[in-house]
């Protein structure tokens, strides 16, 4: 039998994935694939690295939210493994899966992986060290994804993030931001910035209509410091799946960028707590193979 590994986060989303492991294993076993489950724990550091180095897998499947996919893909890329990534989305927000039109239905996910169709997607690289798949962001609201209570996320799903964000509105604080790309330098008093791969971020669809996850280019959004009513208008457009064209929003494309600020700013990377500014970010074109419908 050929082997594959399922990397899963039992605490993702509504935490139901742990109860479905046997079903998943059975589906693959019927197709001649011996599926090894690997449970992510808080104290797990390099155990997965050792497992991946000691075994040869046909593919690697990750089940969880964007943070879990980030975790698994970093091992694939850093170890130089020539294996595709299978996605079973089970997190609160699943931007990467949404970007690739991957279903939220478990059996459809399995069918997709077994069918074997893949695409090559870009990945971001931060400080020549860590990779990301969907987003890298800093400023107001961006800590919501990793600071929101797990029970709140379990009970309310993505709406938990909106509840958390509402509580931060009264304490908005801007930052003097400098974004330097290969073609442009921007210096602005800003509320936030987001680097996006594709069209989805924070559970919102089609943030940028013309974004492409395989062109080797990042899309950068900078929300300038503005009145609260203007900021509310921008986010209402996002919630309504409208274009975010606004004099208070700067958008640009780049292959790489360096971002600095006048104070410490901790980043959110694929929805998880990341490094602080300053950072250098570059995009690597079509670096990862992913199963798609």
Protein backbone atom coordinates (compact mmCIF):
# COMPACT_ATOMS: atom_id res chain seq x y z
CA UNK A 1 0.00 0.00 0.00
CA UNK A 2 1.08 3.56 -0.68
CA UNK A 3 1.19 5.85 2.36
CA UNK A 4 -0.14 9.33 3.04
CA UNK A 5 -0.24 11.39 6.22
CA UNK A 6 -3.14 13.39 7.67
CA UNK A 7 -2.01 16.33 9.80
CA UNK A 8 -4.99 17.57 11.79
CA UNK A 9 -5.79 20.09 14.49
CA UNK A 10 -8.43 18.67 16.87
CA UNK A 11 -9.25 22.15 18.19
CA UNK A 12 -10.00 23.78 14.83
CA UNK A 13 -13.45 25.20 14.15
CA UNK A 14 -16.23 23.22 15.79
CA UNK A 15 -13.72 20.50 16.80
CA UNK A 16 -15.61 17.79 14.94
CA UNK A 17 -12.69 16.55 12.83
CA UNK A 18 -11.41 14.18 15.55
CA UNK A 19 -14.70 12.26 15.39
CA UNK A 20 -14.36 11.78 11.63
CA UNK A 21 -10.83 10.41 11.45
CA UNK A 22 -11.96 6.79 11.15
CA UNK A 23 -14.23 7.66 8.24
CA UNK A 24 -11.39 9.50 6.49
CA UNK A 25 -8.95 6.61 7.00
CA UNK A 26 -11.55 4.16 5.68
CA UNK A 27 -12.16 6.15 2.51
CA UNK A 28 -8.47 6.20 1.63
CA UNK A 29 -7.87 2.60 2.66
CA UNK A 30 -10.52 1.46 0.18
CA UNK A 31 -8.43 3.14 -2.53
CA UNK A 32 -5.21 1.44 -1.46
CA UNK A 33 -3.82 4.37 0.53
CA UNK A 34 -2.65 3.74 4.10
CA UNK A 35 -3.40 7.02 5.88
CA UNK A 36 -1.39 7.86 8.98
CA UNK A 37 -3.02 10.44 11.29
CA UNK A 38 -0.78 13.01 12.98
CA UNK A 39 -2.39 15.10 15.72
CA UNK A 40 -1.05 18.62 16.24
CA UNK A 41 -0.57 19.48 19.91
CA UNK A 42 0.49 22.71 21.58
CA UNK A 43 3.80 21.21 22.71
CA UNK A 44 4.60 19.54 19.38
CA UNK A 45 7.68 21.15 17.88
CA UNK A 46 9.71 19.10 15.45
CA UNK A 47 7.94 15.74 15.75
CA UNK A 48 6.23 16.17 12.38
CA UNK A 49 9.55 17.10 10.80
CA UNK A 50 11.05 13.82 12.00
CA UNK A 51 8.08 11.81 10.76
CA UNK A 52 8.21 13.41 7.32
CA UNK A 53 11.96 12.86 7.03
CA UNK A 54 11.73 9.19 8.03
CA UNK A 55 8.81 8.22 5.80
CA UNK A 56 7.95 8.54 2.14
CA UNK A 57 4.39 9.74 1.59
CA UNK A 58 2.44 9.97 -1.64
CA UNK A 59 0.90 13.18 -0.37
CA UNK A 60 0.32 15.19 2.77
CA UNK A 61 -3.20 16.13 3.87
CA UNK A 62 -3.89 18.95 6.33
CA UNK A 63 -7.18 19.37 8.18
CA UNK A 64 -7.83 22.53 10.15
CA UNK A 65 -7.91 26.24 9.49
CA UNK A 66 -5.41 28.43 7.68
CA UNK A 67 -2.95 28.11 10.57
CA UNK A 68 -2.88 24.32 10.25
CA UNK A 69 -2.33 24.54 6.49
CA UNK A 70 0.47 27.03 7.13
CA UNK A 71 2.05 24.61 9.59
CA UNK A 72 1.96 21.64 7.21
CA UNK A 73 3.05 23.59 4.13
CA UNK A 74 6.06 25.05 5.93
CA UNK A 75 7.39 21.53 6.50
CA UNK A 76 6.78 20.61 2.86
CA UNK A 77 8.62 23.69 1.61
CA UNK A 78 11.46 23.76 4.13
CA UNK A 79 12.21 20.04 3.68
CA UNK A 80 12.01 20.37 -0.10
CA UNK A 81 9.39 17.62 -0.38
CA UNK A 82 7.99 17.03 -3.86
CA UNK A 83 4.53 16.03 -2.66
CA UNK A 84 1.16 17.73 -3.14
CA UNK A 85 -0.90 19.12 -0.29
CA UNK A 86 -4.45 17.90 0.26
CA UNK A 87 -6.83 20.23 2.09
CA UNK A 88 -9.71 19.27 4.38
CA UNK A 89 -10.92 22.65 5.71
CA UNK A 90 -12.22 22.48 9.28
CA UNK A 91 -11.21 25.82 10.77
CA UNK A 92 -13.14 28.92 11.76
CA UNK A 93 -11.88 30.68 8.64
CA UNK A 94 -10.58 28.80 5.64
CA UNK A 95 -9.25 31.48 3.29
CA UNK A 96 -6.82 29.23 1.45
CA UNK A 97 -9.49 26.60 0.76
CA UNK A 98 -11.94 29.30 -0.37
CA UNK A 99 -9.31 30.75 -2.70
CA UNK A 100 -9.07 27.38 -4.46
CA UNK A 101 -12.84 26.69 -4.40
CA UNK A 102 -12.32 23.69 -2.15
CA UNK A 103 -15.59 22.45 -0.69
CA UNK A 104 -16.46 22.39 3.00
CA UNK A 105 -17.96 18.92 2.54
CA UNK A 106 -15.68 16.19 3.88
CA UNK A 107 -16.42 13.52 1.29
CA UNK A 108 -16.05 16.02 -1.54
CA UNK A 109 -12.64 16.94 -0.10
CA UNK A 110 -11.62 13.28 -0.12
CA UNK A 111 -12.95 12.83 -3.67
CA UNK A 112 -10.87 15.84 -4.76
CA UNK A 113 -7.67 14.40 -3.31
CA UNK A 114 -8.29 10.93 -4.73
CA UNK A 115 -9.04 12.39 -8.19
CA UNK A 116 -5.47 13.69 -8.25
CA UNK A 117 -5.90 17.08 -9.97
CA UNK A 118 -3.44 19.70 -8.69
CA UNK A 119 -2.53 23.33 -9.29
CA UNK A 120 0.64 25.21 -8.43
CA UNK A 121 0.15 28.15 -6.07
CA UNK A 122 2.37 31.00 -4.95
CA UNK A 123 3.64 31.23 -1.39
CA UNK A 124 4.93 34.17 0.60
CA UNK A 125 8.28 34.08 2.40
CA UNK A 126 8.89 36.26 5.46
CA UNK A 127 12.45 37.29 6.35
CA UNK A 128 13.83 34.39 4.29
CA UNK A 129 12.57 32.09 7.03
CA UNK A 130 8.87 31.26 7.22
CA UNK A 131 6.26 30.72 4.51
CA UNK A 132 2.62 31.75 4.35
CA UNK A 133 -0.23 30.79 2.05
CA UNK A 134 -3.01 33.37 2.37
CA UNK A 135 -2.15 36.53 4.24
CA UNK A 136 0.29 38.56 6.28
CA UNK A 137 -1.20 41.57 8.05
CA UNK A 138 -0.50 44.20 10.69
CA UNK A 139 -2.45 46.93 12.46
CA UNK A 140 -5.95 47.26 13.88
CA UNK A 141 -8.18 44.18 14.01
CA UNK A 142 -5.52 41.80 12.65
CA UNK A 143 -4.91 40.15 16.03
CA UNK A 144 -8.58 39.15 16.19
CA UNK A 145 -8.01 35.73 14.59
CA UNK A 146 -5.45 34.54 17.14
CA UNK A 147 -6.68 36.40 20.24
CA UNK A 148 -10.36 35.42 20.04
CA UNK A 149 -11.45 32.88 22.66
CA UNK A 150 -11.56 29.31 21.29
CA UNK A 151 -14.97 28.60 22.81
CA UNK A 152 -16.35 31.75 21.18
CA UNK A 153 -14.99 30.57 17.82
CA UNK A 154 -16.46 27.11 18.36
CA UNK A 155 -19.93 28.50 19.14
CA UNK A 156 -20.11 31.45 16.74
CA UNK A 157 -17.71 30.55 13.91
CA UNK A 158 -16.43 33.52 11.85
CA UNK A 159 -18.97 35.80 13.57
CA UNK A 160 -16.79 35.52 16.69
CA UNK A 161 -14.14 37.57 14.91
CA UNK A 162 -16.61 40.36 14.16
CA UNK A 163 -17.70 40.44 17.81
CA UNK A 164 -14.09 40.70 18.91
CA UNK A 165 -13.35 43.45 16.37
CA UNK A 166 -16.33 45.52 17.51
CA UNK A 167 -14.83 45.60 20.99
CA UNK A 168 -11.65 47.20 19.63
CA UNK A 169 -13.24 50.07 17.68
CA UNK A 170 -12.99 52.55 20.55
CA UNK A 171 -9.24 51.98 20.91
CA UNK A 172 -8.10 52.34 17.30
CA UNK A 173 -4.50 53.49 17.00
CA UNK A 174 -2.72 54.33 13.76
CA UNK A 175 0.93 53.68 12.90
CA UNK A 176 3.43 55.48 10.68
CA UNK A 177 3.97 52.84 8.02
CA UNK A 178 6.60 52.57 5.29
CA UNK A 179 6.08 50.04 2.48
CA UNK A 180 8.92 49.73 0.00
CA UNK A 181 8.54 47.51 -3.09
CA UNK A 182 10.75 47.04 -6.16
CA UNK A 183 8.86 49.90 -7.84
CA UNK A 184 7.25 52.06 -5.15
CA UNK A 185 7.77 53.58 -1.73
CA UNK A 186 4.73 54.46 0.37
CA UNK A 187 4.85 56.32 3.68
CA UNK A 188 1.48 56.78 5.35
CA UNK A 189 -0.18 57.18 8.70
CA UNK A 190 -2.21 53.99 8.51
CA UNK A 191 -4.59 51.81 10.47
CA UNK A 192 -3.52 48.54 8.88
CA UNK A 193 -1.94 46.72 5.97
CA UNK A 194 -2.63 43.31 4.47
CA UNK A 195 -0.54 41.27 2.05
CA UNK A 196 -2.83 38.85 0.24
CA UNK A 197 -2.31 35.80 -1.92
CA UNK A 198 -5.50 35.45 -3.96
CA UNK A 199 -8.87 37.05 -3.31
CA UNK A 200 -9.80 35.88 0.18
CA UNK A 201 -8.79 37.10 3.63
CA UNK A 202 -10.40 37.00 7.07
CA UNK A 203 -13.28 34.91 5.80
CA UNK A 204 -14.22 37.56 3.23
CA UNK A 205 -14.54 36.70 -0.45
CA UNK A 206 -13.17 38.59 -3.44
CA UNK A 207 -11.40 41.33 -1.51
CA UNK A 208 -9.48 42.10 -4.70
CA UNK A 209 -11.31 41.08 -7.85
CA UNK A 210 -8.23 40.66 -10.07
CA UNK A 211 -5.88 38.94 -7.62
CA UNK A 212 -4.15 35.78 -8.87
CA UNK A 213 -2.68 33.07 -6.64
CA UNK A 214 -0.21 31.83 -9.26
CA UNK A 215 1.30 34.96 -10.87
CA UNK A 216 4.20 35.38 -8.44
CA UNK A 217 2.85 38.74 -7.27
CA UNK A 218 1.53 39.78 -3.88
CA UNK A 219 -1.37 42.18 -3.50
CA UNK A 220 -0.84 44.79 -0.80
CA UNK A 221 -3.67 46.77 0.80
CA UNK A 222 -2.96 49.76 3.05
CA UNK A 223 -5.86 51.34 4.93
CA UNK A 224 -4.89 54.93 5.69
CA UNK A 225 -5.72 56.69 8.92
CA UNK A 226 -9.20 58.16 8.55
CA UNK A 227 -12.33 59.02 10.49
CA UNK A 228 -14.16 56.12 12.07
CA UNK A 229 -17.14 56.64 9.78
CA UNK A 230 -14.87 56.27 6.74
CA UNK A 231 -13.28 53.13 8.18
CA UNK A 232 -16.75 51.73 8.84
CA UNK A 233 -17.68 52.42 5.22
CA UNK A 234 -14.63 50.48 4.00
CA UNK A 235 -15.45 47.46 6.12
CA UNK A 236 -19.11 47.59 5.14
CA UNK A 237 -17.99 47.28 1.52
CA UNK A 238 -15.87 44.27 2.48
CA UNK A 239 -18.79 42.69 4.30
CA UNK A 240 -21.03 43.35 1.29
CA UNK A 241 -18.52 41.77 -1.12
CA UNK A 242 -18.12 45.08 -2.94
CA UNK A 243 -14.99 46.66 -4.41
CA UNK A 244 -12.96 48.45 -1.76
CA UNK A 245 -12.12 51.40 -4.00
CA UNK A 246 -11.67 54.35 -1.65
CA UNK A 247 -9.40 57.38 -1.30
CA UNK A 248 -8.51 55.95 2.10
CA UNK A 249 -7.22 52.65 0.66
CA UNK A 250 -4.00 52.07 -1.28
CA UNK A 251 -3.59 48.88 -3.32
CA UNK A 252 -0.53 47.73 -5.21
CA UNK A 253 1.15 44.63 -6.62
CA UNK A 254 4.74 43.59 -5.99
CA UNK A 255 7.13 40.66 -6.10
CA UNK A 256 8.72 41.70 -2.82
CA UNK A 257 8.44 44.39 -0.17
CA UNK A 258 9.97 45.67 3.03
CA UNK A 259 7.68 47.06 5.71
CA UNK A 260 8.68 49.16 8.71
CA UNK A 261 6.79 51.21 11.29
CA UNK A 262 7.43 53.81 13.97
CA UNK A 263 6.40 51.42 16.75
CA UNK A 264 6.26 47.72 17.45
CA UNK A 265 3.60 45.93 15.41
CA UNK A 266 2.97 42.20 15.75
CA UNK A 267 1.77 40.57 12.54
CA UNK A 268 -0.94 38.02 11.85
CA UNK A 269 0.32 35.35 9.44
CA UNK A 270 -2.35 33.03 8.02
CA UNK A 271 -4.46 33.92 11.05
CA UNK A 272 -1.78 33.05 13.61
CA UNK A 273 0.53 35.28 15.64
CA UNK A 274 3.64 36.07 13.60
CA UNK A 275 6.80 38.18 13.89
CA UNK A 276 6.96 41.91 14.57
CA UNK A 277 7.90 44.61 12.10
CA UNK A 278 10.23 45.25 10.35
CA UNK A 279 9.83 42.43 7.82
CA UNK A 280 10.92 41.59 4.32
CA UNK A 281 8.37 39.65 2.29
CA UNK A 282 8.82 38.04 -1.10
CA UNK A 283 6.57 35.83 -3.19
CA UNK A 284 7.75 32.56 -4.70
CA UNK A 285 5.86 31.73 -7.85
CA UNK A 286 3.98 28.42 -8.03
CA UNK A 287 6.01 26.86 -5.22
CA UNK A 288 3.38 24.47 -3.83
CA UNK A 289 1.22 21.79 -5.46
CA UNK A 290 -2.31 21.58 -4.04
CA UNK A 291 -5.20 19.23 -4.86
CA UNK A 292 -8.20 21.09 -6.29
CA UNK A 293 -11.66 20.14 -7.64
